[in-house]
Amino acid sequence: MRFALAAATATAAVFGFAAPAAAADYDRSAEDCTVVRHDVGVLKQTVYVRNVCSQPITFRVHRSLETSPCLEVQPGRQGGWRWTRAQPYYYTEIDC
């Protein structure tokens, strides 16, 4: 039984049927590499973007009156953009 399982696994690996254990970072899109969080306080609001991949990513925050500059976040780090609560938040653009 053990031999049959090993042979089937080896055959699947040779023909490319076996799925990789984890996706490599170069196969992931910039959106897959980020965790975006929007916090609203009494006077200010902040968008935080965490980079969970091994390559730098960029982001831009779109709000009612203006857009933030394109900001870069290094691997394993978090970046953010803060503004007044009076300006509504629309969305965060990844890979600007």
Protein backbone atom coordinates (compact mmCIF):
# COMPACT_ATOMS: atom_id res chain seq x y z
CA MET A 1 0.00 0.00 0.00
CA ARG A 2 2.78 2.41 0.95
CA PHE A 3 4.63 1.68 -2.30
CA ALA A 4 1.50 2.31 -4.41
CA LEU A 5 0.91 5.68 -2.74
CA ALA A 6 4.55 6.71 -3.26
CA ALA A 7 4.42 5.63 -6.91
CA ALA A 8 1.21 7.57 -7.54
CA THR A 9 2.65 10.69 -5.89
CA ALA A 10 5.88 10.43 -7.90
CA THR A 11 3.94 9.94 -11.15
CA ALA A 12 1.73 12.96 -10.43
CA ALA A 13 4.77 15.10 -9.68
CA VAL A 14 6.53 14.04 -12.91
CA PHE A 15 3.50 14.89 -15.07
CA GLY A 16 2.78 18.16 -13.26
CA PHE A 17 -0.44 17.08 -11.56
CA ALA A 18 0.72 17.86 -8.04
CA ALA A 19 -0.25 21.29 -6.73
CA PRO A 20 2.53 23.42 -5.23
CA ALA A 21 2.59 23.65 -1.45
CA ALA A 22 2.35 27.46 -1.54
CA ALA A 23 2.09 29.99 -4.34
CA ALA A 24 5.31 31.82 -5.06
CA ASP A 25 5.26 35.58 -4.62
CA TYR A 26 5.98 36.18 -8.29
CA ASP A 27 2.71 34.37 -9.14
CA ARG A 28 0.65 36.66 -6.89
CA SER A 29 -0.95 39.89 -8.02
CA ALA A 30 -0.41 43.12 -6.09
CA GLU A 31 -3.97 42.87 -4.74
CA ASP A 32 -3.19 39.40 -3.33
CA CYS A 33 -0.18 40.86 -1.53
CA THR A 34 -2.07 43.49 0.43
CA VAL A 35 -4.36 43.75 3.41
CA VAL A 36 -6.30 47.05 3.39
CA ARG A 37 -7.96 48.44 6.52
CA HIS A 38 -9.97 51.69 6.81
CA ASP A 39 -10.24 53.17 10.31
CA VAL A 40 -12.50 56.12 11.14
CA GLY A 41 -11.93 58.17 14.27
CA VAL A 42 -13.61 61.23 15.75
CA LEU A 43 -11.64 63.79 13.71
CA LYS A 44 -9.46 61.77 11.30
CA GLN A 45 -9.64 58.63 9.19
CA THR A 46 -6.79 56.41 8.02
CA VAL A 47 -6.28 53.73 5.40
CA TYR A 48 -3.61 51.18 6.32
CA VAL A 49 -2.08 48.89 3.70
CA ARG A 50 0.01 45.89 4.82
CA ASN A 51 2.34 44.14 2.35
CA VAL A 52 2.38 40.36 2.90
CA CYS A 53 4.63 39.49 -0.09
CA SER A 54 8.37 39.67 -0.69
CA GLN A 55 8.22 42.49 -3.27
CA PRO A 56 7.42 46.18 -2.63
CA ILE A 57 3.88 47.31 -3.52
CA THR A 58 2.39 50.75 -4.13
CA PHE A 59 -0.98 52.22 -3.26
CA ARG A 60 -3.01 55.40 -3.62
CA VAL A 61 -6.05 56.47 -1.57
CA HIS A 62 -8.96 58.02 -3.48
CA ARG A 63 -11.23 60.36 -1.56
CA SER A 64 -13.76 63.05 -2.40
CA LEU A 65 -11.62 66.15 -2.98
CA GLU A 66 -8.22 64.72 -3.85
CA THR A 67 -6.10 61.62 -4.22
CA SER A 68 -3.06 60.73 -2.14
CA PRO A 69 0.35 60.41 -3.80
CA CYS A 70 1.46 56.94 -4.87
CA LEU A 71 3.01 55.43 -1.73
CA GLU A 72 5.34 52.41 -1.51
CA VAL A 73 5.23 49.72 1.18
CA GLN A 74 8.20 47.40 1.67
CA PRO A 75 7.73 43.65 2.22
CA GLY A 76 6.38 42.77 5.66
CA ARG A 77 5.64 46.42 6.46
CA GLN A 78 2.55 48.61 6.71
CA GLY A 79 1.92 52.05 5.26
CA GLY A 80 -0.95 54.45 5.69
CA TRP A 81 -2.59 57.70 4.68
CA ARG A 82 -4.54 59.92 7.11
CA TRP A 83 -6.93 62.77 6.40
CA THR A 84 -9.87 64.60 7.96
CA ARG A 85 -13.12 62.78 8.55
CA ALA A 86 -15.04 65.44 6.57
CA GLN A 87 -13.73 64.08 3.24
CA PRO A 88 -15.38 60.77 2.26
CA TYR A 89 -13.22 57.75 1.41
CA TYR A 90 -13.88 56.11 -1.97
CA TYR A 91 -11.38 53.30 -2.49
CA THR A 92 -7.70 52.28 -2.36
CA GLU A 93 -5.89 51.72 -5.64
CA ILE A 94 -3.19 49.03 -5.45
CA ASP A 95 -0.22 49.00 -7.84
CA CYS A 96 -0.38 52.63 -8.96
